Amino acid sequence: MEILLWLVPPAVVTLLAMAWVSWLGREGRGEVDREEAVRRLTTAMEKDLPGARRPRPAPVHDRSTGVAVRRSTRRAS
């Protein structure tokens, strides 16, 4: 049990650092006005998404037989 006593100082320092950082982080975060939040949401919703221009092709699903086989070079029509 004595061998674990060397872990106490680093654990205390870690806990103190975590408490200090969480205390400092609280003051930097301000409340956003409701009107400003609605404006930002509207701007984000009106953006044209780059992936929305062309649809993805439908994936081809092979029926699983439970046996590992190589794919054939021929495509079924």
Protein backbone atom coordinates (compact mmCIF):
# COMPACT_ATOMS: atom_id res chain seq x y z
CA MET A 1 0.00 0.00 0.00
CA GLU A 2 2.90 2.35 0.70
CA ILE A 3 4.04 2.11 -2.88
CA LEU A 4 0.83 3.83 -4.01
CA LEU A 5 1.49 6.90 -1.84
CA TRP A 6 3.57 8.43 -4.63
CA LEU A 7 0.35 8.73 -6.64
CA VAL A 8 -1.28 11.08 -4.12
CA PRO A 9 0.63 14.32 -4.99
CA PRO A 10 0.10 14.02 -8.78
CA ALA A 11 -3.58 13.21 -8.24
CA VAL A 12 -4.04 16.26 -5.98
CA VAL A 13 -2.25 18.52 -8.47
CA THR A 14 -4.38 17.13 -11.31
CA LEU A 15 -7.62 17.73 -9.42
CA LEU A 16 -6.57 21.27 -8.51
CA ALA A 17 -5.64 22.01 -12.14
CA MET A 18 -9.00 20.67 -13.33
CA ALA A 19 -10.88 22.83 -10.83
CA TRP A 20 -8.83 25.91 -11.75
CA VAL A 21 -9.37 25.46 -15.50
CA SER A 22 -13.10 24.90 -15.05
CA TRP A 23 -13.32 28.06 -12.93
CA LEU A 24 -11.48 30.13 -15.56
CA GLY A 25 -13.60 28.74 -18.39
CA ARG A 26 -16.86 29.82 -16.78
CA GLU A 27 -16.28 33.55 -17.11
CA GLY A 28 -15.43 33.50 -20.82
CA ARG A 29 -18.77 32.10 -21.88
CA GLY A 30 -21.46 34.71 -22.25
CA GLU A 31 -25.12 34.33 -22.97
CA VAL A 32 -26.10 34.84 -26.60
CA ASP A 33 -29.13 37.02 -27.19
CA ARG A 34 -32.15 35.07 -28.43
CA GLU A 35 -32.48 37.26 -31.53
CA GLU A 36 -28.80 36.74 -32.34
CA ALA A 37 -29.19 32.98 -31.94
CA VAL A 38 -32.19 32.95 -34.29
CA ARG A 39 -30.27 35.01 -36.84
CA ARG A 40 -27.29 32.63 -36.71
CA LEU A 41 -29.57 29.60 -37.06
CA THR A 42 -31.33 31.16 -40.05
CA THR A 43 -28.00 31.92 -41.73
CA ALA A 44 -26.80 28.36 -41.16
CA MET A 45 -30.03 26.83 -42.46
CA GLU A 46 -29.94 28.91 -45.66
CA LYS A 47 -26.44 27.74 -46.61
CA ASP A 48 -26.22 25.52 -49.67
CA LEU A 49 -24.71 22.21 -48.64
CA PRO A 50 -22.01 20.91 -51.01
CA GLY A 51 -23.19 17.29 -50.89
CA ALA A 52 -26.84 18.09 -51.60
CA ARG A 53 -26.37 18.76 -55.32
CA ARG A 54 -26.35 15.20 -56.63
CA PRO A 55 -27.88 12.13 -55.04
CA ARG A 56 -25.84 9.10 -54.16
CA PRO A 57 -26.26 6.03 -56.32
CA ALA A 58 -28.23 3.24 -54.69
CA PRO A 59 -25.90 0.63 -53.19
CA VAL A 60 -25.96 -2.83 -54.72
CA HIS A 61 -26.77 -5.39 -52.04
CA ASP A 62 -25.51 -8.93 -52.56
CA ARG A 63 -27.38 -11.70 -50.85
CA SER A 64 -25.18 -13.12 -48.12
CA THR A 65 -24.78 -16.89 -48.16
CA GLY A 66 -22.48 -17.09 -45.17
CA VAL A 67 -19.67 -18.46 -47.35
CA ALA A 68 -16.72 -16.31 -48.39
CA VAL A 69 -16.60 -16.26 -52.19
CA ARG A 70 -14.88 -14.05 -54.71
CA ARG A 71 -16.97 -11.56 -56.63
CA SER A 72 -17.61 -12.49 -60.20
CA THR A 73 -16.38 -10.16 -62.93
CA ARG A 74 -19.78 -10.33 -64.63
CA ARG A 75 -22.54 -8.00 -63.53
CA ALA A 76 -26.02 -9.44 -63.15
CA SER A 77 -28.61 -7.53 -65.18
